[in-house]
Amino acid sequence: MTALETSGTGTVPAAAASAAAGDAPHTPVTPNPRKAKLRMWAELTLFLGPALVLFLTFVVYPVISAARYSLYQWNGVEQFSDATFIGFENYARALFGGTDPATKSAFMTAYTEPFQAAFSHTIAILVLSLLIQLPLGLLIALVLNRRFPGRASVRVIMFAPYVLSEVIAGIMWLIIFDPNGVATRLVQAVGLNPPAGGWLEDQTWGFWTVFFIITWKYIGLAVILFLAGLSGVPQELQDAASIDGASWWQTQWRINIPLIAPTIRIWVFLSLIGSIQLFDMVWVLNQGGTTGQYSTIATYMMQIGFFRSDWGFGSAIAVIMFLLSFAVASFYMLVVLRRDNADRPKKVKQA
């Protein structure tokens, strides 16, 4: 007798019955590696192909073309084949007046000094954005995160300037800061004297007026990002801190602000790149000033390239702005990634 018969069950498993009947055992179907690889490449081509084509067409190709044009003296009107190759002379003119002693003094006045002024304005906007816009936007977000009547309306008002077009906002502030505009009359009404040359044309007040407009325009982005980060902070942590006797400011400083640190770092990155590439708002406000008192690298590139028909030098300014943005972004990302990785718990190796 078999083991199954002696066990008293009287039943035979299906696999044993199938084997006894002489059926062939079932073997799993293994996927074809070649077909799997072809499918993977087809999916990559389908989903990444269009984005890669757009990136190569509108990012990589313009950068390479600008780097090529920057090595020539070209007015942008004649054929590029007739342009004169001058090597890195355009970069030398931007940085220290060129390499020719006979024309160095003239190039310092015409090229180097305006570029240095635009570069200094760009760096000043970058630094002031971090020193003023960051704490201001964070404070507004912390206040708007509290519950009070009309909170939704106040949030919409704070974010509305960022939604406005730069052209519309710039023209609006041009009217307000007109020598006979609302700002001048308001200052005169309280017994103060407005700038003699106008708010935007004054050598001292021009830059600070533009920075005030930039802060008004882009502070809404910081507020909305910080509010999004604060919405992810668990309410239980704040309630526990309140029960332990922590004040409102202690709760913000010890709990909310540290927990939205990744959001703050994202805004800082966007602010750095946006400050270096700032163009549209400054351009609408009288193209950086009649004497360049608040010009930026981007507005100076537009003036020298299109209005002075010096495409070679304008391309050199564009390459410098690209290298500056790339260096700042790379340095920041490396520092942020290194810091974030250091905050992660290390995996314990198993023996």
Protein backbone atom coordinates (compact mmCIF):
# COMPACT_ATOMS: atom_id res chain seq x y z
CA MET A 1 0.00 0.00 0.00
CA THR A 2 1.10 3.55 -0.66
CA ALA A 3 1.72 6.16 2.00
CA LEU A 4 -1.45 7.97 1.05
CA GLU A 5 -3.48 4.84 1.36
CA THR A 6 -2.06 4.02 4.78
CA SER A 7 -2.75 7.59 5.95
CA GLY A 8 -6.43 7.00 5.39
CA THR A 9 -7.07 10.17 3.40
CA GLY A 10 -7.95 8.37 0.22
CA THR A 11 -7.19 11.48 -1.94
CA VAL A 12 -4.37 12.10 -4.39
CA PRO A 13 -2.94 15.61 -4.99
CA ALA A 14 -3.55 17.13 -8.41
CA ALA A 15 0.16 17.37 -9.20
CA ALA A 16 0.67 13.70 -8.34
CA ALA A 17 -2.37 12.69 -10.36
CA SER A 18 -1.17 14.69 -13.33
CA ALA A 19 2.27 13.12 -13.10
CA ALA A 20 0.72 9.65 -12.84
CA ALA A 21 -1.38 10.38 -15.91
CA GLY A 22 1.80 11.15 -17.85
CA ASP A 23 1.24 14.93 -18.37
CA ALA A 24 4.38 17.03 -19.01
CA PRO A 25 5.35 19.33 -16.10
CA HIS A 26 4.62 23.09 -16.57
CA THR A 27 7.74 25.27 -17.00
CA PRO A 28 7.60 29.07 -16.39
CA VAL A 29 8.03 31.29 -19.42
CA THR A 30 11.21 33.37 -19.17
CA PRO A 31 11.12 36.86 -20.74
CA ASN A 32 13.23 37.53 -23.76
CA PRO A 33 16.10 39.86 -22.69
CA ARG A 34 16.35 41.36 -26.14
CA LYS A 35 12.65 42.26 -26.27
CA ALA A 36 12.80 43.71 -22.76
CA LYS A 37 15.74 45.90 -23.71
CA LEU A 38 14.04 47.09 -26.90
CA ARG A 39 10.90 47.90 -24.92
CA MET A 40 12.92 49.90 -22.38
CA TRP A 41 14.60 51.98 -25.10
CA ALA A 42 11.26 52.52 -26.84
CA GLU A 43 9.74 53.85 -23.61
CA LEU A 44 12.73 56.14 -23.00
CA THR A 45 12.54 57.47 -26.55
CA LEU A 46 8.79 58.04 -26.32
CA PHE A 47 8.78 59.87 -23.00
CA LEU A 48 12.20 61.57 -22.96
CA GLY A 49 12.69 62.14 -26.68
CA PRO A 50 10.47 65.24 -27.11
CA ALA A 51 11.83 66.86 -23.94
CA LEU A 52 15.40 66.12 -25.01
CA VAL A 53 14.80 67.62 -28.45
CA LEU A 54 13.37 70.79 -26.92
CA PHE A 55 16.25 71.02 -24.45
CA LEU A 56 18.87 70.64 -27.18
CA THR A 57 17.08 73.11 -29.46
CA PHE A 58 16.30 75.91 -27.02
CA VAL A 59 19.05 75.51 -24.38
CA VAL A 60 22.14 73.70 -25.61
CA TYR A 61 22.19 75.09 -29.16
CA PRO A 62 21.75 78.76 -28.08
CA VAL A 63 24.51 78.40 -25.49
CA ILE A 64 26.90 76.91 -28.04
CA SER A 65 25.96 79.59 -30.59
CA ALA A 66 26.51 82.39 -28.06
CA ALA A 67 29.90 80.95 -27.15
CA ARG A 68 30.80 80.87 -30.84
CA TYR A 69 29.60 84.42 -31.55
CA SER A 70 31.49 85.76 -28.52
CA LEU A 71 34.79 84.98 -30.26
CA TYR A 72 34.01 87.34 -33.16
CA GLN A 73 33.46 91.03 -33.76
CA TRP A 74 30.04 91.02 -35.41
CA ASN A 75 27.31 93.61 -35.66
CA GLY A 76 24.51 91.11 -36.28
CA VAL A 77 23.57 92.74 -39.61
CA GLU A 78 26.20 91.51 -42.01
CA GLN A 79 26.73 87.86 -42.78
CA PHE A 80 28.41 85.96 -39.99
CA SER A 81 30.93 84.68 -42.51
CA ASP A 82 32.20 88.27 -42.83
CA ALA A 83 32.69 88.66 -39.05
CA THR A 84 36.22 89.16 -37.70
CA PHE A 85 37.63 86.53 -35.37
CA ILE A 86 39.13 88.21 -32.27
CA GLY A 87 39.33 85.29 -29.84
CA PHE A 88 38.70 86.17 -26.20
CA GLU A 89 39.00 89.92 -26.78
CA ASN A 90 35.31 90.50 -25.98
CA TYR A 91 35.76 88.88 -22.57
CA ALA A 92 38.89 90.98 -21.99
CA ARG A 93 36.97 94.14 -22.84
CA ALA A 94 34.25 93.25 -20.34
CA LEU A 95 36.66 92.41 -17.53
CA PHE A 96 39.60 94.81 -17.87
CA GLY A 97 39.26 96.95 -20.99
CA GLY A 98 40.85 94.66 -23.54
CA THR A 99 44.41 93.70 -24.37
CA ASP A 100 45.32 96.61 -26.66
CA PRO A 101 47.00 99.42 -24.65
CA ALA A 102 46.04 101.98 -27.31
CA THR A 103 42.29 101.39 -26.90
CA LYS A 104 42.18 100.18 -23.31
CA SER A 105 41.15 103.53 -21.84
CA ALA A 106 38.31 103.97 -24.33
CA PHE A 107 37.13 100.39 -23.86
CA MET A 108 37.19 100.81 -20.08
CA THR A 109 34.69 103.66 -20.38
CA ALA A 110 32.55 102.10 -23.10
CA TYR A 111 32.52 98.45 -22.04
CA THR A 112 34.17 97.60 -18.72
CA GLU A 113 32.71 100.24 -16.41
CA PRO A 114 29.07 99.73 -17.52
CA PHE A 115 29.51 95.97 -17.23
CA GLN A 116 31.02 96.28 -13.75
CA ALA A 117 28.13 98.52 -12.69
CA ALA A 118 25.57 96.03 -14.02
CA PHE A 119 27.43 93.16 -12.34
CA SER A 120 27.53 94.99 -8.99
CA HIS A 121 23.80 95.76 -9.21
CA THR A 122 23.05 92.09 -9.90
CA ILE A 123 25.11 90.93 -6.92
CA ALA A 124 23.50 93.60 -4.72
CA ILE A 125 20.01 92.42 -5.69
CA LEU A 126 21.05 88.83 -5.00
CA VAL A 127 22.39 89.61 -1.53
CA LEU A 128 19.53 91.92 -0.58
CA SER A 129 16.99 89.32 -1.69
CA LEU A 130 18.42 86.89 0.84
CA LEU A 131 18.80 89.48 3.60
CA ILE A 132 15.44 91.22 3.19
CA GLN A 133 13.01 89.11 1.17
CA LEU A 134 13.75 85.85 2.99
CA PRO A 135 13.00 87.02 6.57
CA LEU A 136 10.15 89.24 5.35
CA GLY A 137 8.48 86.47 3.38
CA LEU A 138 8.99 83.99 6.22
CA LEU A 139 7.48 86.38 8.78
CA ILE A 140 4.45 87.06 6.59
CA ALA A 141 3.95 83.33 6.01
CA LEU A 142 4.13 82.56 9.74
CA VAL A 143 1.54 85.26 10.46
CA LEU A 144 -0.77 84.12 7.65
CA ASN A 145 -0.51 80.54 8.89
CA ARG A 146 -2.53 81.52 11.96
CA ARG A 147 -6.33 81.38 11.95
CA PHE A 148 -8.07 84.77 11.78
CA PRO A 149 -11.06 86.23 9.92
CA GLY A 150 -10.28 87.08 6.31
CA ARG A 151 -7.11 84.97 6.15
CA ALA A 152 -7.93 83.62 2.67
CA SER A 153 -8.45 87.12 1.29
CA VAL A 154 -5.16 88.34 2.73
CA ARG A 155 -3.35 85.37 1.18
CA VAL A 156 -4.84 86.19 -2.23
CA ILE A 157 -3.77 89.84 -1.88
CA MET A 158 -0.23 88.81 -0.99
CA PHE A 159 0.06 86.47 -3.98
CA ALA A 160 -1.68 88.77 -6.49
CA PRO A 161 1.43 90.82 -7.45
CA TYR A 162 3.29 87.68 -8.50
CA VAL A 163 0.47 86.76 -10.88
CA LEU A 164 0.54 90.16 -12.59
CA SER A 165 2.53 90.52 -15.78
CA GLU A 166 5.88 92.27 -15.39
CA VAL A 167 4.89 94.77 -18.08
CA ILE A 168 1.63 95.68 -16.36
CA ALA A 169 3.28 95.94 -12.95
CA GLY A 170 6.20 97.97 -14.34
CA ILE A 171 3.96 100.50 -16.08
CA MET A 172 1.83 100.81 -12.96
CA TRP A 173 4.89 101.65 -10.84
CA LEU A 174 6.20 104.02 -13.52
CA ILE A 175 2.99 106.00 -13.11
CA ILE A 176 3.19 105.88 -9.31
CA PHE A 177 6.85 107.00 -9.19
CA ASP A 178 6.46 109.64 -11.86
CA PRO A 179 7.94 113.02 -10.75
CA ASN A 180 4.33 114.24 -10.50
CA GLY A 181 2.87 110.92 -9.43
CA VAL A 182 1.27 109.57 -6.28
CA ALA A 183 4.54 108.78 -4.48
CA THR A 184 5.86 112.31 -4.96
CA ARG A 185 2.64 113.90 -3.74
CA LEU A 186 2.48 111.58 -0.74
CA VAL A 187 6.02 112.46 0.32
CA GLN A 188 5.35 116.16 -0.14
CA ALA A 189 2.14 115.87 1.90
CA VAL A 190 4.07 114.69 4.97
CA GLY A 191 6.60 117.51 4.63
CA LEU A 192 9.50 115.62 2.99
CA ASN A 193 11.34 116.37 -0.22
CA PRO A 194 11.23 113.77 -3.02
CA PRO A 195 14.39 113.01 -5.04
CA ALA A 196 15.28 115.95 -7.23
CA GLY A 197 15.90 113.84 -10.34
CA GLY A 198 12.87 111.62 -9.88
CA TRP A 199 12.50 108.35 -8.02
CA LEU A 200 13.86 106.15 -10.80
CA GLU A 201 16.42 108.54 -12.25
CA ASP A 202 18.10 109.57 -9.01
CA GLN A 203 21.56 108.03 -8.60
CA THR A 204 20.86 107.01 -5.00
CA TRP A 205 17.13 106.38 -4.88
CA GLY A 206 16.87 104.74 -8.31
CA PHE A 207 18.32 101.39 -7.27
CA TRP A 208 16.40 101.24 -3.98
CA THR A 209 13.15 102.14 -5.73
CA VAL A 210 13.63 99.31 -8.20
CA PHE A 211 14.50 96.87 -5.42
CA PHE A 212 11.33 97.89 -3.57
CA ILE A 213 9.30 97.14 -6.71
CA ILE A 214 11.07 93.79 -7.17
CA THR A 215 10.36 92.85 -3.55
CA TRP A 216 6.69 93.80 -3.93
CA LYS A 217 6.45 91.76 -7.14
CA TYR A 218 8.14 88.53 -6.04
CA ILE A 219 7.52 88.34 -2.28
CA GLY A 220 4.27 86.50 -2.98
CA LEU A 221 6.16 83.49 -4.33
CA ALA A 222 8.14 83.19 -1.11
CA VAL A 223 5.00 83.50 0.99
CA ILE A 224 3.06 80.88 -0.95
CA LEU A 225 5.98 78.43 -0.87
CA PHE A 226 6.47 78.87 2.87
CA LEU A 227 2.75 78.47 3.51
CA ALA A 228 2.79 75.24 1.52
CA GLY A 229 5.63 74.00 3.70
CA LEU A 230 3.87 75.06 6.90
CA SER A 231 0.73 73.16 5.88
CA GLY A 232 2.72 69.93 6.17
CA VAL A 233 3.82 70.55 9.77
CA PRO A 234 1.78 68.31 12.12
CA GLN A 235 -0.57 70.28 14.32
CA GLU A 236 0.11 67.85 17.18
CA LEU A 237 3.67 69.16 17.53
CA GLN A 238 2.47 72.74 17.93
CA ASP A 239 -0.24 71.72 20.39
CA ALA A 240 2.30 69.79 22.46
CA ALA A 241 4.64 72.79 22.50
CA SER A 242 1.76 75.03 23.61
CA ILE A 243 0.89 72.63 26.43
CA ASP A 244 4.53 72.65 27.55
CA GLY A 245 4.35 76.44 27.88
CA ALA A 246 6.16 77.50 24.69
CA SER A 247 5.26 80.93 23.34
CA TRP A 248 4.11 81.52 19.78
CA TRP A 249 7.55 82.71 18.69
CA GLN A 250 9.30 79.78 20.40
CA THR A 251 6.98 77.40 18.56
CA GLN A 252 7.83 79.01 15.22
CA TRP A 253 11.56 79.12 15.91
CA ARG A 254 11.90 75.61 17.36
CA ILE A 255 9.31 73.65 15.35
CA ASN A 256 7.89 75.32 12.23
CA ILE A 257 10.99 76.97 10.79
CA PRO A 258 13.27 73.90 11.15
CA LEU A 259 10.62 71.63 9.62
CA ILE A 260 10.20 73.82 6.51
CA ALA A 261 13.96 74.15 5.99
CA PRO A 262 13.81 72.16 2.69
CA THR A 263 11.20 74.60 1.36
CA ILE A 264 13.35 77.55 2.40
CA ARG A 265 16.33 76.06 0.58
CA ILE A 266 14.24 75.65 -2.57
CA TRP A 267 13.22 79.32 -2.44
CA VAL A 268 16.82 80.39 -1.89
CA PHE A 269 17.86 78.46 -4.99
CA LEU A 270 15.12 80.06 -7.07
CA SER A 271 16.01 83.49 -5.70
CA LEU A 272 19.70 83.09 -6.55
CA ILE A 273 19.04 82.12 -10.16
CA GLY A 274 16.26 84.67 -10.58
CA SER A 275 18.42 87.52 -9.26
CA ILE A 276 21.26 86.72 -11.67
CA GLN A 277 18.90 86.49 -14.65
CA LEU A 278 16.67 89.44 -13.67
CA PHE A 279 15.63 91.28 -16.82
CA ASP A 280 11.96 91.96 -17.56
CA MET A 281 10.98 94.10 -14.57
CA VAL A 282 14.16 96.20 -14.75
CA TRP A 283 13.82 96.58 -18.51
CA VAL A 284 10.26 97.89 -18.24
CA LEU A 285 11.45 100.44 -15.64
CA ASN A 286 13.28 102.58 -18.22
CA GLN A 287 15.73 99.87 -19.38
CA GLY A 288 17.93 100.01 -16.30
CA GLY A 289 18.05 103.81 -16.05
CA THR A 290 19.34 106.51 -18.35
CA THR A 291 22.80 106.23 -16.80
CA GLY A 292 22.56 102.55 -15.87
CA GLN A 293 21.99 103.31 -12.19
CA TYR A 294 20.05 100.08 -11.68
CA SER A 295 21.00 98.04 -14.75
CA THR A 296 21.61 94.30 -14.49
CA ILE A 297 23.74 91.90 -16.50
CA ALA A 298 20.74 90.90 -18.60
CA THR A 299 19.64 94.46 -19.39
CA TYR A 300 23.21 95.48 -20.23
CA MET A 301 23.47 92.48 -22.56
CA MET A 302 20.30 93.61 -24.36
CA GLN A 303 21.51 97.20 -24.68
CA ILE A 304 24.97 96.34 -25.97
CA GLY A 305 23.80 93.54 -28.26
CA PHE A 306 20.68 94.94 -29.91
CA PHE A 307 20.80 98.71 -29.50
CA ARG A 308 24.55 99.11 -30.12
CA SER A 309 24.64 96.28 -32.67
CA ASP A 310 27.59 94.56 -31.02
CA TRP A 311 26.43 90.96 -31.04
CA GLY A 312 29.87 89.57 -30.37
CA PHE A 313 30.29 91.49 -27.12
CA GLY A 314 26.66 90.88 -26.18
CA SER A 315 27.19 87.15 -26.67
CA ALA A 316 30.25 87.34 -24.39
CA ILE A 317 28.08 88.96 -21.70
CA ALA A 318 25.51 86.19 -22.16
CA VAL A 319 28.19 83.52 -21.73
CA ILE A 320 29.48 85.24 -18.58
CA MET A 321 25.95 85.35 -17.16
CA PHE A 322 25.48 81.66 -18.00
CA LEU A 323 28.76 80.69 -16.34
CA LEU A 324 27.89 82.74 -13.26
CA SER A 325 24.46 81.12 -12.98
CA PHE A 326 25.91 77.66 -13.53
CA ALA A 327 28.65 78.18 -10.93
CA VAL A 328 26.26 79.55 -8.29
CA ALA A 329 23.68 76.83 -8.94
CA SER A 330 26.27 74.04 -8.89
CA PHE A 331 27.90 75.29 -5.70
CA TYR A 332 24.56 75.69 -3.96
CA MET A 333 23.26 72.30 -5.01
CA LEU A 334 26.44 70.57 -3.93
CA VAL A 335 26.27 72.21 -0.51
CA VAL A 336 22.56 71.48 -0.13
CA LEU A 337 22.87 67.87 -1.22
CA ARG A 338 25.85 67.31 1.03
CA ARG A 339 23.98 68.81 3.98
CA ASP A 340 20.80 66.83 3.28
CA ASN A 341 22.74 63.60 2.94
CA ALA A 342 24.54 64.29 6.21
CA ASP A 343 21.17 64.68 7.95
CA ARG A 344 20.01 61.25 6.80
CA PRO A 345 20.55 58.33 9.19
CA LYS A 346 23.36 56.08 8.09
CA LYS A 347 22.60 52.48 7.35
CA VAL A 348 23.93 50.04 9.93
CA LYS A 349 25.97 47.31 8.33
CA GLN A 350 24.85 43.87 9.30
CA ALA A 351 27.51 41.52 10.56
